[in-house]
Amino acid sequence: MSAKSPVLLIAALGVLLAAGGVGAWYFVQSQKPSSIISSETRTSGSALIGGPFALTGQDSQPRSEADLMGHYSLIYFGYTYCPDVCPTALSTMTQGIDLLEETAPDKAAAVLPVFITVDPERDTVAALATYASHFHPRFLALTGTPEEVAVAAKAYRIYYQRVEEVGSSDYLMDHSSIIYLMAPDGSYIGHFTHASTPEDIALDLAKQIDPALATKAGAGS
């Protein structure tokens, strides 16, 4: 199948996590039934998730971790050619924010949804602009050079690897599938997994967000 039509790709590859170390930690956490991990884990892991990065937004503007400050950020790493996992995660994020908007619009306004590509070769600024338009209108979509993307992925402990399709010039990206919730000061609050529903996200955001701590509206600017 052509790499020019990502939406026509059928689900052929599940998300794999690293076999040991950080990957194993994420695998264990992803099996937990609750969508946000415990406060004990949040405390011990707060210094391990997040950090400096320098990328480019879908508006062609340079973006960094400074653009996330003042927001509650929902951050997902993936790629636009992903056949199923990525669009499902981004749709879940969007629906969760929309549900929160219905009951707590002030809290919803504090949320900035962020999508960071792990496939910068194909995910150009233009490609991300088109892709992000299918989800929440406030989505901040980020790309960069392979080196810049690697720095961001390392900061968020994201595993990703290119997987070639036999007999084809196409390829897929094997990657972690985690939605991070970050505080307005850039610290890690918790995460959602593939098992989380829009209702889970809306409920947990309602509990976690303090609008008084957000100094910016949830927009990618």
N, C-alpha and C. Protein backbone atom coordinates (compact mmCIF):
# COMPACT_ATOMS: atom_id res chain seq x y z
N MET A 1 0.84 -1.20 0.00
CA MET A 1 0.00 0.00 0.00
C MET A 1 0.87 1.24 0.00
N SER A 2 0.39 2.27 -0.62
CA SER A 2 1.20 3.47 -0.77
C SER A 2 1.30 4.24 0.52
N ALA A 3 2.50 4.77 0.77
CA ALA A 3 2.69 5.61 1.96
C ALA A 3 2.03 6.96 1.80
N LYS A 4 1.49 7.24 0.58
CA LYS A 4 0.85 8.53 0.35
C LYS A 4 -0.57 8.55 0.86
N SER A 5 -1.11 7.39 1.29
CA SER A 5 -2.49 7.34 1.74
C SER A 5 -2.56 6.68 3.11
N PRO A 6 -2.13 7.38 4.18
CA PRO A 6 -2.08 6.77 5.50
C PRO A 6 -3.42 6.33 6.02
N VAL A 7 -4.50 7.03 5.63
CA VAL A 7 -5.82 6.69 6.16
C VAL A 7 -6.32 5.37 5.60
N LEU A 8 -5.71 4.86 4.50
CA LEU A 8 -6.14 3.61 3.91
C LEU A 8 -5.37 2.42 4.44
N LEU A 9 -4.35 2.70 5.26
CA LEU A 9 -3.60 1.59 5.84
C LEU A 9 -4.47 0.87 6.85
N ILE A 10 -4.46 -0.45 6.82
CA ILE A 10 -5.22 -1.21 7.80
C ILE A 10 -4.32 -1.61 8.94
N ALA A 11 -4.93 -1.86 10.06
CA ALA A 11 -4.14 -2.13 11.26
C ALA A 11 -3.34 -3.40 11.07
N ALA A 12 -2.01 -3.26 10.90
CA ALA A 12 -1.17 -4.41 10.68
C ALA A 12 -0.11 -4.54 11.76
N LEU A 13 -0.03 -3.54 12.61
CA LEU A 13 1.06 -3.54 13.58
C LEU A 13 0.58 -2.98 14.90
N GLY A 14 0.67 -3.72 15.96
CA GLY A 14 0.33 -3.23 17.30
C GLY A 14 1.46 -2.39 17.84
N VAL A 15 1.16 -1.66 18.90
CA VAL A 15 2.19 -0.81 19.51
C VAL A 15 3.05 -1.68 20.42
N LEU A 16 4.37 -1.66 20.18
CA LEU A 16 5.31 -2.41 21.00
C LEU A 16 6.05 -1.45 21.89
N LEU A 17 6.39 -1.91 23.09
CA LEU A 17 7.16 -1.08 24.01
C LEU A 17 8.54 -1.69 24.18
N ALA A 18 9.48 -0.91 24.62
CA ALA A 18 10.84 -1.38 24.81
C ALA A 18 10.84 -2.56 25.76
N ALA A 19 11.75 -3.50 25.55
CA ALA A 19 11.73 -4.76 26.28
C ALA A 19 12.12 -4.61 27.74
N GLY A 20 12.91 -3.65 28.06
CA GLY A 20 13.37 -3.53 29.43
C GLY A 20 13.44 -2.09 29.85
N GLY A 21 13.88 -1.86 31.07
CA GLY A 21 14.08 -0.50 31.56
C GLY A 21 12.80 0.29 31.49
N VAL A 22 12.86 1.43 30.81
CA VAL A 22 11.71 2.33 30.70
C VAL A 22 10.55 1.66 30.00
N GLY A 23 10.84 0.89 28.93
CA GLY A 23 9.78 0.24 28.19
C GLY A 23 8.99 -0.70 29.07
N ALA A 24 9.68 -1.47 29.90
CA ALA A 24 9.00 -2.40 30.79
C ALA A 24 8.14 -1.66 31.80
N TRP A 25 8.65 -0.52 32.28
CA TRP A 25 7.87 0.29 33.24
C TRP A 25 6.57 0.73 32.63
N TYR A 26 6.63 1.21 31.36
CA TYR A 26 5.42 1.66 30.69
C TYR A 26 4.45 0.50 30.46
N PHE A 27 4.99 -0.68 30.13
CA PHE A 27 4.11 -1.81 29.89
C PHE A 27 3.34 -2.16 31.15
N VAL A 28 4.02 -2.18 32.29
CA VAL A 28 3.35 -2.47 33.54
C VAL A 28 2.30 -1.43 33.85
N GLN A 29 2.64 -0.14 33.67
CA GLN A 29 1.70 0.93 33.97
C GLN A 29 0.48 0.87 33.06
N SER A 30 0.70 0.48 31.78
CA SER A 30 -0.42 0.49 30.83
C SER A 30 -1.44 -0.58 31.14
N GLN A 31 -1.07 -1.56 31.95
CA GLN A 31 -2.01 -2.61 32.30
C GLN A 31 -2.91 -2.22 33.47
N LYS A 32 -2.60 -1.10 34.13
CA LYS A 32 -3.42 -0.67 35.26
C LYS A 32 -4.80 -0.23 34.78
N PRO A 33 -5.87 -0.58 35.50
CA PRO A 33 -7.21 -0.22 35.05
C PRO A 33 -7.50 1.26 35.13
N SER A 34 -6.88 1.96 36.07
CA SER A 34 -7.15 3.39 36.18
C SER A 34 -6.39 4.16 35.14
N SER A 35 -6.94 5.28 34.69
CA SER A 35 -6.32 6.02 33.60
C SER A 35 -5.20 6.92 34.08
N ILE A 36 -5.26 7.39 35.31
CA ILE A 36 -4.18 8.21 35.86
C ILE A 36 -3.47 7.39 36.93
N ILE A 37 -2.15 7.37 36.90
CA ILE A 37 -1.41 6.55 37.85
C ILE A 37 -1.47 7.19 39.23
N SER A 38 -1.04 6.44 40.22
CA SER A 38 -1.20 6.88 41.60
C SER A 38 -0.35 8.08 41.94
N SER A 39 -0.73 8.76 43.02
CA SER A 39 0.01 9.93 43.44
C SER A 39 1.42 9.57 43.85
N GLU A 40 1.61 8.35 44.37
CA GLU A 40 2.95 7.93 44.77
C GLU A 40 3.86 7.85 43.55
N THR A 41 3.36 7.28 42.47
CA THR A 41 4.16 7.17 41.26
C THR A 41 4.37 8.54 40.64
N ARG A 42 3.35 9.39 40.70
CA ARG A 42 3.50 10.75 40.17
C ARG A 42 4.64 11.46 40.87
N THR A 43 4.70 11.30 42.20
CA THR A 43 5.73 12.00 42.96
C THR A 43 7.12 11.53 42.57
N SER A 44 7.29 10.21 42.48
CA SER A 44 8.61 9.68 42.17
C SER A 44 8.99 9.90 40.71
N GLY A 45 7.97 10.01 39.84
CA GLY A 45 8.27 10.14 38.42
C GLY A 45 8.22 11.56 37.89
N SER A 46 7.91 12.52 38.74
CA SER A 46 7.70 13.88 38.25
C SER A 46 8.94 14.47 37.60
N ALA A 47 10.11 14.08 38.08
CA ALA A 47 11.34 14.65 37.54
C ALA A 47 11.83 13.91 36.31
N LEU A 48 11.15 12.81 35.94
CA LEU A 48 11.63 11.96 34.87
C LEU A 48 10.94 12.20 33.54
N ILE A 49 9.80 12.85 33.55
CA ILE A 49 9.01 13.04 32.33
C ILE A 49 8.96 14.52 31.97
N GLY A 50 9.30 14.84 30.73
CA GLY A 50 9.27 16.20 30.26
C GLY A 50 10.64 16.84 30.29
N GLY A 51 10.76 17.97 29.60
CA GLY A 51 12.04 18.67 29.56
C GLY A 51 12.15 19.54 28.32
N PRO A 52 13.32 20.12 28.10
CA PRO A 52 13.52 21.04 26.98
C PRO A 52 13.41 20.36 25.62
N PHE A 53 12.86 21.08 24.65
CA PHE A 53 12.85 20.63 23.26
C PHE A 53 12.75 21.85 22.36
N ALA A 54 13.14 21.68 21.13
CA ALA A 54 13.04 22.75 20.13
C ALA A 54 12.49 22.14 18.85
N LEU A 55 11.23 22.44 18.53
CA LEU A 55 10.54 21.86 17.39
C LEU A 55 9.85 22.96 16.58
N THR A 56 9.08 22.56 15.59
CA THR A 56 8.36 23.51 14.73
C THR A 56 6.88 23.15 14.70
N GLY A 57 6.03 24.16 14.89
CA GLY A 57 4.60 23.92 14.90
C GLY A 57 4.00 23.83 13.52
N GLN A 58 2.75 23.42 13.44
CA GLN A 58 2.06 23.31 12.15
C GLN A 58 1.84 24.67 11.51
N ASP A 59 2.12 25.73 12.27
CA ASP A 59 2.05 27.09 11.74
C ASP A 59 3.43 27.59 11.28
N SER A 60 4.40 26.67 11.25
CA SER A 60 5.79 26.96 10.83
C SER A 60 6.56 27.78 11.84
N GLN A 61 5.99 28.02 13.01
CA GLN A 61 6.66 28.80 14.04
C GLN A 61 7.50 27.90 14.95
N PRO A 62 8.66 28.39 15.39
CA PRO A 62 9.46 27.60 16.33
C PRO A 62 8.73 27.43 17.65
N ARG A 63 8.79 26.25 18.19
CA ARG A 63 8.10 25.95 19.45
C ARG A 63 9.06 25.24 20.40
N SER A 64 8.86 25.45 21.67
CA SER A 64 9.69 24.81 22.68
C SER A 64 8.83 24.49 23.89
N GLU A 65 9.47 23.95 24.92
CA GLU A 65 8.74 23.65 26.15
C GLU A 65 8.12 24.91 26.76
N ALA A 66 8.64 26.08 26.40
CA ALA A 66 8.09 27.33 26.92
C ALA A 66 6.66 27.55 26.45
N ASP A 67 6.32 27.00 25.27
CA ASP A 67 4.96 27.15 24.76
C ASP A 67 3.95 26.34 25.55
N LEU A 68 4.43 25.40 26.34
CA LEU A 68 3.53 24.59 27.15
C LEU A 68 3.31 25.18 28.54
N MET A 69 4.20 26.06 28.94
CA MET A 69 4.07 26.65 30.26
C MET A 69 2.78 27.47 30.37
N GLY A 70 2.12 27.36 31.49
CA GLY A 70 0.86 28.08 31.69
C GLY A 70 -0.36 27.30 31.25
N HIS A 71 -0.14 26.15 30.62
CA HIS A 71 -1.23 25.27 30.20
C HIS A 71 -1.18 23.97 31.00
N TYR A 72 -2.31 23.30 31.06
CA TYR A 72 -2.32 21.87 31.36
C TYR A 72 -2.22 21.20 30.00
N SER A 73 -1.17 20.46 29.76
CA SER A 73 -0.94 19.90 28.43
C SER A 73 -1.25 18.41 28.39
N LEU A 74 -1.96 18.00 27.35
CA LEU A 74 -2.12 16.59 27.03
C LEU A 74 -1.21 16.31 25.85
N ILE A 75 -0.20 15.47 26.02
CA ILE A 75 0.84 15.29 25.01
C ILE A 75 0.88 13.86 24.52
N TYR A 76 0.85 13.72 23.20
CA TYR A 76 0.90 12.39 22.58
C TYR A 76 1.94 12.37 21.47
N PHE A 77 2.77 11.35 21.46
CA PHE A 77 3.75 11.15 20.40
C PHE A 77 3.23 10.08 19.43
N GLY A 78 3.25 10.39 18.13
CA GLY A 78 2.79 9.43 17.14
C GLY A 78 3.19 9.90 15.75
N TYR A 79 2.41 9.51 14.75
CA TYR A 79 2.73 9.94 13.39
C TYR A 79 1.48 9.87 12.52
N THR A 80 1.44 10.69 11.48
CA THR A 80 0.22 10.85 10.70
C THR A 80 -0.11 9.63 9.85
N TYR A 81 0.88 8.80 9.53
CA TYR A 81 0.63 7.61 8.72
C TYR A 81 0.20 6.42 9.57
N CYS A 82 0.08 6.61 10.86
CA CYS A 82 -0.32 5.55 11.77
C CYS A 82 -1.71 5.05 11.39
N PRO A 83 -1.88 3.74 11.22
CA PRO A 83 -3.16 3.23 10.72
C PRO A 83 -4.31 3.26 11.71
N ASP A 84 -4.02 3.18 13.01
CA ASP A 84 -5.15 3.09 13.94
C ASP A 84 -4.89 3.67 15.32
N VAL A 85 -3.76 3.35 15.92
CA VAL A 85 -3.52 3.73 17.32
C VAL A 85 -3.50 5.25 17.50
N CYS A 86 -2.77 5.94 16.64
CA CYS A 86 -2.65 7.40 16.79
C CYS A 86 -3.96 8.14 16.58
N PRO A 87 -4.67 7.90 15.47
CA PRO A 87 -5.94 8.62 15.33
C PRO A 87 -6.94 8.29 16.43
N THR A 88 -6.88 7.06 16.93
CA THR A 88 -7.76 6.69 18.04
C THR A 88 -7.41 7.49 19.29
N ALA A 89 -6.12 7.58 19.60
CA ALA A 89 -5.69 8.33 20.79
C ALA A 89 -6.04 9.81 20.68
N LEU A 90 -5.81 10.40 19.51
CA LEU A 90 -6.09 11.82 19.34
C LEU A 90 -7.59 12.09 19.36
N SER A 91 -8.37 11.17 18.83
CA SER A 91 -9.83 11.32 18.90
C SER A 91 -10.32 11.22 20.34
N THR A 92 -9.73 10.31 21.09
CA THR A 92 -10.09 10.17 22.50
C THR A 92 -9.75 11.43 23.27
N MET A 93 -8.58 12.00 23.01
CA MET A 93 -8.20 13.26 23.65
C MET A 93 -9.20 14.35 23.32
N THR A 94 -9.53 14.47 22.04
CA THR A 94 -10.47 15.51 21.59
C THR A 94 -11.83 15.35 22.25
N GLN A 95 -12.34 14.14 22.26
CA GLN A 95 -13.66 13.90 22.85
C GLN A 95 -13.63 14.15 24.36
N GLY A 96 -12.51 13.81 25.00
CA GLY A 96 -12.40 14.05 26.43
C GLY A 96 -12.46 15.53 26.76
N ILE A 97 -11.74 16.34 25.98
CA ILE A 97 -11.77 17.79 26.20
C ILE A 97 -13.16 18.35 25.91
N ASP A 98 -13.80 17.84 24.86
CA ASP A 98 -15.15 18.30 24.53
C ASP A 98 -16.13 17.99 25.65
N LEU A 99 -16.01 16.80 26.25
CA LEU A 99 -16.88 16.44 27.37
C LEU A 99 -16.64 17.35 28.56
N LEU A 100 -15.38 17.66 28.81
CA LEU A 100 -15.05 18.56 29.92
C LEU A 100 -15.62 19.95 29.67
N GLU A 101 -15.61 20.37 28.42
CA GLU A 101 -16.15 21.68 28.04
C GLU A 101 -17.63 21.79 28.43
N GLU A 102 -18.35 20.69 28.35
CA GLU A 102 -19.78 20.71 28.64
C GLU A 102 -20.06 20.96 30.13
N THR A 103 -19.18 20.46 30.99
CA THR A 103 -19.43 20.55 32.43
C THR A 103 -18.54 21.56 33.15
N ALA A 104 -17.36 21.82 32.60
CA ALA A 104 -16.41 22.74 33.26
C ALA A 104 -15.62 23.49 32.20
N PRO A 105 -16.26 24.43 31.52
CA PRO A 105 -15.60 25.13 30.41
C PRO A 105 -14.33 25.88 30.83
N ASP A 106 -14.28 26.35 32.08
CA ASP A 106 -13.07 27.04 32.54
C ASP A 106 -11.88 26.09 32.63
N LYS A 107 -12.15 24.85 33.01
CA LYS A 107 -11.09 23.85 33.08
C LYS A 107 -10.68 23.39 31.68
N ALA A 108 -11.66 23.22 30.81
CA ALA A 108 -11.37 22.80 29.44
C ALA A 108 -10.50 23.84 28.73
N ALA A 109 -10.75 25.10 29.01
CA ALA A 109 -10.00 26.18 28.37
C ALA A 109 -8.53 26.18 28.78
N ALA A 110 -8.22 25.52 29.89
CA ALA A 110 -6.83 25.49 30.38
C ALA A 110 -6.02 24.36 29.74
N VAL A 111 -6.68 23.51 28.93
CA VAL A 111 -6.02 22.34 28.37
C VAL A 111 -5.49 22.62 26.96
N LEU A 112 -4.22 22.27 26.75
CA LEU A 112 -3.60 22.37 25.43
C LEU A 112 -3.27 20.96 24.93
N PRO A 113 -3.96 20.47 23.90
CA PRO A 113 -3.63 19.16 23.35
C PRO A 113 -2.43 19.30 22.41
N VAL A 114 -1.46 18.39 22.55
CA VAL A 114 -0.21 18.47 21.79
C VAL A 114 0.07 17.14 21.12
N PHE A 115 0.44 17.20 19.85
CA PHE A 115 0.82 16.00 19.08
C PHE A 115 2.24 16.21 18.57
N ILE A 116 3.16 15.30 18.92
CA ILE A 116 4.54 15.37 18.48
C ILE A 116 4.86 14.17 17.61
N THR A 117 5.31 14.42 16.40
CA THR A 117 5.57 13.31 15.48
C THR A 117 6.84 12.56 15.85
N VAL A 118 6.83 11.25 15.57
CA VAL A 118 8.05 10.44 15.66
C VAL A 118 8.49 10.04 14.26
N ASP A 119 7.88 10.67 13.26
CA ASP A 119 8.18 10.37 11.85
C ASP A 119 8.42 11.67 11.09
N PRO A 120 9.47 12.42 11.44
CA PRO A 120 9.69 13.72 10.82
C PRO A 120 9.99 13.65 9.33
N GLU A 121 10.41 12.49 8.85
CA GLU A 121 10.70 12.35 7.41
C GLU A 121 9.46 12.62 6.57
N ARG A 122 8.32 12.12 7.02
CA ARG A 122 7.07 12.30 6.27
C ARG A 122 6.17 13.38 6.87
N ASP A 123 6.28 13.59 8.16
CA ASP A 123 5.40 14.55 8.83
C ASP A 123 5.97 15.96 8.77
N THR A 124 5.77 16.56 7.64
CA THR A 124 6.19 17.94 7.43
C THR A 124 5.22 18.90 8.13
N VAL A 125 5.56 20.17 8.14
CA VAL A 125 4.68 21.18 8.70
C VAL A 125 3.31 21.14 8.02
N ALA A 126 3.31 21.07 6.69
CA ALA A 126 2.05 21.06 5.95
C ALA A 126 1.24 19.81 6.27
N ALA A 127 1.91 18.67 6.37
CA ALA A 127 1.21 17.42 6.67
C ALA A 127 0.58 17.48 8.06
N LEU A 128 1.29 18.04 9.01
CA LEU A 128 0.76 18.14 10.37
C LEU A 128 -0.41 19.12 10.44
N ALA A 129 -0.34 20.19 9.66
CA ALA A 129 -1.43 21.16 9.66
C ALA A 129 -2.73 20.51 9.19
N THR A 130 -2.63 19.71 8.15
CA THR A 130 -3.81 19.02 7.63
C THR A 130 -4.30 17.98 8.63
N TYR A 131 -3.39 17.22 9.19
CA TYR A 131 -3.74 16.15 10.10
C TYR A 131 -4.40 16.70 11.37
N ALA A 132 -3.79 17.72 11.95
CA ALA A 132 -4.31 18.28 13.20
C ALA A 132 -5.70 18.86 13.03
N SER A 133 -6.02 19.32 11.82
CA SER A 133 -7.32 19.94 11.57
C SER A 133 -8.48 18.96 11.73
N HIS A 134 -8.18 17.66 11.73
CA HIS A 134 -9.22 16.64 11.87
C HIS A 134 -9.57 16.39 13.33
N PHE A 135 -8.82 17.00 14.25
CA PHE A 135 -9.04 16.75 15.66
C PHE A 135 -9.42 18.05 16.37
N HIS A 136 -8.97 18.25 17.57
CA HIS A 136 -9.37 19.43 18.34
C HIS A 136 -8.80 20.70 17.71
N PRO A 137 -9.59 21.77 17.65
CA PRO A 137 -9.10 23.00 16.99
C PRO A 137 -7.92 23.65 17.70
N ARG A 138 -7.67 23.30 18.96
CA ARG A 138 -6.55 23.88 19.67
C ARG A 138 -5.28 23.03 19.59
N PHE A 139 -5.32 21.95 18.83
CA PHE A 139 -4.16 21.07 18.77
C PHE A 139 -2.92 21.82 18.33
N LEU A 140 -1.83 21.59 19.06
CA LEU A 140 -0.51 22.06 18.67
C LEU A 140 0.24 20.85 18.16
N ALA A 141 0.54 20.81 16.86
CA ALA A 141 1.24 19.69 16.24
C ALA A 141 2.68 20.10 15.97
N LEU A 142 3.62 19.23 16.33
CA LEU A 142 5.03 19.59 16.29
C LEU A 142 5.86 18.59 15.49
N THR A 143 6.80 19.11 14.72
CA THR A 143 7.76 18.29 13.98
C THR A 143 9.13 18.94 14.10
N GLY A 144 10.11 18.39 13.42
CA GLY A 144 11.46 18.94 13.47
C GLY A 144 12.40 18.03 12.71
N THR A 145 13.67 18.24 12.89
CA THR A 145 14.65 17.34 12.31
C THR A 145 14.63 16.04 13.09
N PRO A 146 15.17 14.96 12.53
CA PRO A 146 15.25 13.71 13.31
C PRO A 146 15.94 13.89 14.65
N GLU A 147 16.97 14.71 14.67
CA GLU A 147 17.70 14.95 15.91
C GLU A 147 16.84 15.70 16.93
N GLU A 148 16.08 16.68 16.46
CA GLU A 148 15.22 17.45 17.36
C GLU A 148 14.10 16.58 17.93
N VAL A 149 13.53 15.74 17.08
CA VAL A 149 12.47 14.84 17.53
C VAL A 149 13.02 13.85 18.55
N ALA A 150 14.24 13.37 18.32
CA ALA A 150 14.86 12.43 19.25
C ALA A 150 15.05 13.05 20.63
N VAL A 151 15.42 14.32 20.67
CA VAL A 151 15.58 15.01 21.95
C VAL A 151 14.25 15.09 22.69
N ALA A 152 13.19 15.44 21.99
CA ALA A 152 11.87 15.54 22.62
C ALA A 152 11.40 14.17 23.11
N ALA A 153 11.58 13.15 22.28
CA ALA A 153 11.17 11.80 22.68
C ALA A 153 11.94 11.32 23.90
N LYS A 154 13.22 11.62 23.95
CA LYS A 154 14.02 11.22 25.11
C LYS A 154 13.54 11.93 26.37
N ALA A 155 13.19 13.20 26.25
CA ALA A 155 12.72 13.95 27.41
C ALA A 155 11.45 13.34 27.99
N TYR A 156 10.59 12.79 27.12
CA TYR A 156 9.33 12.21 27.56
C TYR A 156 9.38 10.69 27.64
N ARG A 157 10.58 10.13 27.55
CA ARG A 157 10.79 8.68 27.68
C ARG A 157 9.95 7.89 26.68
N ILE A 158 9.94 8.36 25.45
CA ILE A 158 9.16 7.71 24.40
C ILE A 158 10.05 6.79 23.57
N TYR A 159 9.59 5.58 23.37
CA TYR A 159 10.24 4.61 22.50
C TYR A 159 9.65 4.70 21.10
N TYR A 160 10.50 4.74 20.08
CA TYR A 160 10.00 4.64 18.71
C TYR A 160 11.08 4.06 17.81
N GLN A 161 10.63 3.39 16.76
CA GLN A 161 11.56 2.75 15.84
C GLN A 161 10.89 2.52 14.49
N ARG A 162 11.62 2.76 13.44
CA ARG A 162 11.10 2.53 12.09
C ARG A 162 11.04 1.04 11.79
N VAL A 163 9.93 0.60 11.19
CA VAL A 163 9.74 -0.80 10.83
C VAL A 163 9.43 -0.88 9.34
N GLU A 164 10.32 -1.50 8.59
CA GLU A 164 10.15 -1.60 7.14
C GLU A 164 9.13 -2.66 6.79
N GLU A 165 8.37 -2.43 5.73
CA GLU A 165 7.44 -3.41 5.21
C GLU A 165 8.15 -4.23 4.14
N VAL A 166 8.14 -5.54 4.26
CA VAL A 166 8.85 -6.43 3.34
C VAL A 166 8.32 -6.26 1.92
N GLY A 167 9.24 -6.05 0.98
CA GLY A 167 8.86 -5.93 -0.42
C GLY A 167 8.20 -4.62 -0.77
N SER A 168 8.31 -3.61 0.10
CA SER A 168 7.66 -2.33 -0.15
C SER A 168 8.57 -1.20 0.30
N SER A 169 8.37 -0.04 -0.29
CA SER A 169 9.12 1.14 0.14
C SER A 169 8.44 1.83 1.32
N ASP A 170 7.26 1.36 1.68
CA ASP A 170 6.53 1.91 2.81
C ASP A 170 7.15 1.45 4.13
N TYR A 171 6.83 2.14 5.20
CA TYR A 171 7.26 1.72 6.52
C TYR A 171 6.27 2.23 7.56
N LEU A 172 6.30 1.59 8.71
CA LEU A 172 5.50 2.00 9.85
C LEU A 172 6.44 2.43 10.96
N MET A 173 5.89 3.06 11.98
CA MET A 173 6.68 3.45 13.15
C MET A 173 6.15 2.73 14.38
N ASP A 174 7.00 1.94 14.97
CA ASP A 174 6.69 1.26 16.21
C ASP A 174 6.95 2.26 17.34
N HIS A 175 5.97 2.53 18.21
CA HIS A 175 6.17 3.58 19.21
C HIS A 175 5.30 3.38 20.44
N SER A 176 5.71 4.00 21.53
CA SER A 176 4.90 4.00 22.75
C SER A 176 3.59 4.74 22.48
N SER A 177 2.53 4.30 23.14
CA SER A 177 1.24 4.97 22.97
C SER A 177 0.74 5.41 24.34
N ILE A 178 1.11 6.63 24.71
CA ILE A 178 0.80 7.17 26.03
C ILE A 178 0.37 8.62 25.88
N ILE A 179 -0.68 9.00 26.58
CA ILE A 179 -1.10 10.40 26.62
C ILE A 179 -0.67 10.96 27.97
N TYR A 180 0.27 11.90 27.94
CA TYR A 180 0.75 12.49 29.18
C TYR A 180 -0.10 13.69 29.58
N LEU A 181 -0.30 13.85 30.87
CA LEU A 181 -0.91 15.06 31.41
C LEU A 181 0.17 15.81 32.16
N MET A 182 0.49 17.01 31.70
CA MET A 182 1.54 17.83 32.31
C MET A 182 0.93 19.08 32.93
N ALA A 183 1.50 19.53 34.02
CA ALA A 183 1.02 20.70 34.75
C ALA A 183 1.48 22.00 34.09
N PRO A 184 0.89 23.12 34.46
CA PRO A 184 1.27 24.42 33.88
C PRO A 184 2.74 24.79 34.09
N ASP A 185 3.38 24.20 35.09
CA ASP A 185 4.80 24.48 35.32
C ASP A 185 5.70 23.47 34.61
N GLY A 186 5.10 22.58 33.81
CA GLY A 186 5.87 21.60 33.06
C GLY A 186 6.12 20.30 33.78
N SER A 187 5.62 20.17 35.00
CA SER A 187 5.83 18.93 35.74
C SER A 187 4.81 17.87 35.33
N TYR A 188 5.21 16.63 35.52
CA TYR A 188 4.39 15.48 35.15
C TYR A 188 3.31 15.22 36.20
N ILE A 189 2.07 15.10 35.76
CA ILE A 189 0.96 14.77 36.66
C ILE A 189 0.63 13.28 36.57
N GLY A 190 0.46 12.77 35.36
CA GLY A 190 0.09 11.38 35.18
C GLY A 190 -0.07 11.06 33.71
N HIS A 191 -0.66 9.92 33.39
CA HIS A 191 -0.85 9.57 31.98
C HIS A 191 -2.10 8.74 31.79
N PHE A 192 -2.54 8.71 30.55
CA PHE A 192 -3.65 7.88 30.11
C PHE A 192 -3.10 6.82 29.16
N THR A 193 -3.80 5.71 29.06
CA THR A 193 -3.36 4.61 28.20
C THR A 193 -4.37 4.36 27.09
N HIS A 194 -4.06 3.34 26.27
CA HIS A 194 -4.97 2.96 25.19
C HIS A 194 -6.32 2.51 25.71
N ALA A 195 -6.37 2.12 26.98
CA ALA A 195 -7.63 1.66 27.57
C ALA A 195 -8.51 2.79 28.08
N SER A 196 -7.96 4.00 28.14
CA SER A 196 -8.72 5.15 28.65
C SER A 196 -9.79 5.58 27.66
N THR A 197 -10.93 5.96 28.16
CA THR A 197 -12.04 6.44 27.35
C THR A 197 -12.11 7.96 27.43
N PRO A 198 -12.87 8.59 26.54
CA PRO A 198 -13.08 10.04 26.66
C PRO A 198 -13.65 10.42 28.02
N GLU A 199 -14.53 9.57 28.53
CA GLU A 199 -15.12 9.83 29.84
C GLU A 199 -14.06 9.78 30.94
N ASP A 200 -13.13 8.83 30.83
CA ASP A 200 -12.03 8.75 31.79
C ASP A 200 -11.22 10.04 31.79
N ILE A 201 -10.89 10.51 30.59
CA ILE A 201 -10.07 11.71 30.46
C ILE A 201 -10.80 12.92 31.02
N ALA A 202 -12.06 13.07 30.65
CA ALA A 202 -12.83 14.22 31.14
C ALA A 202 -12.93 14.21 32.66
N LEU A 203 -13.19 13.04 33.23
CA LEU A 203 -13.33 12.92 34.69
C LEU A 203 -12.02 13.24 35.40
N ASP A 204 -10.92 12.69 34.90
CA ASP A 204 -9.63 12.92 35.55
C ASP A 204 -9.17 14.37 35.38
N LEU A 205 -9.42 14.95 34.21
CA LEU A 205 -9.05 16.35 34.03
C LEU A 205 -9.85 17.24 34.98
N ALA A 206 -11.11 16.92 35.15
CA ALA A 206 -11.94 17.70 36.06
C ALA A 206 -11.38 17.67 37.47
N LYS A 207 -10.80 16.54 37.86
CA LYS A 207 -10.24 16.40 39.20
C LYS A 207 -8.88 17.08 39.32
N GLN A 208 -8.09 17.02 38.24
CA GLN A 208 -6.70 17.47 38.30
C GLN A 208 -6.51 18.96 38.04
N ILE A 209 -7.38 19.53 37.22
CA ILE A 209 -7.14 20.90 36.76
C ILE A 209 -7.62 21.95 37.76
N ASP A 210 -6.73 22.89 38.02
CA ASP A 210 -7.07 24.08 38.81
C ASP A 210 -6.89 25.27 37.87
N PRO A 211 -7.98 25.84 37.36
CA PRO A 211 -7.88 26.94 36.41
C PRO A 211 -7.03 28.12 36.92
N ALA A 212 -6.97 28.26 38.23
CA ALA A 212 -6.22 29.37 38.80
C ALA A 212 -4.72 29.22 38.56
N LEU A 213 -4.28 28.00 38.31
CA LEU A 213 -2.86 27.73 38.08
C LEU A 213 -2.48 27.90 36.61
N ALA A 214 -3.47 27.94 35.74
CA ALA A 214 -3.21 28.10 34.29
C ALA A 214 -3.19 29.58 33.96
N THR A 215 -2.07 30.02 33.43
CA THR A 215 -1.92 31.45 33.11
C THR A 215 -2.19 31.75 31.66
N LYS A 216 -2.46 30.71 30.85
CA LYS A 216 -2.78 30.90 29.44
C LYS A 216 -4.00 30.09 29.07
N ALA A 217 -4.77 30.58 28.11
CA ALA A 217 -5.87 29.78 27.57
C ALA A 217 -5.27 28.65 26.77
N GLY A 218 -6.01 27.55 26.62
CA GLY A 218 -5.48 26.37 25.95
C GLY A 218 -5.43 26.50 24.46
N ALA A 219 -4.56 27.34 23.95
CA ALA A 219 -4.39 27.49 22.52
C ALA A 219 -2.92 27.40 22.18
N GLY A 220 -2.63 26.96 20.97
CA GLY A 220 -1.25 26.75 20.59
C GLY A 220 -0.54 28.06 20.19
N SER A 221 -0.61 29.04 21.03
CA SER A 221 0.06 30.31 20.73
C SER A 221 0.39 31.04 22.02
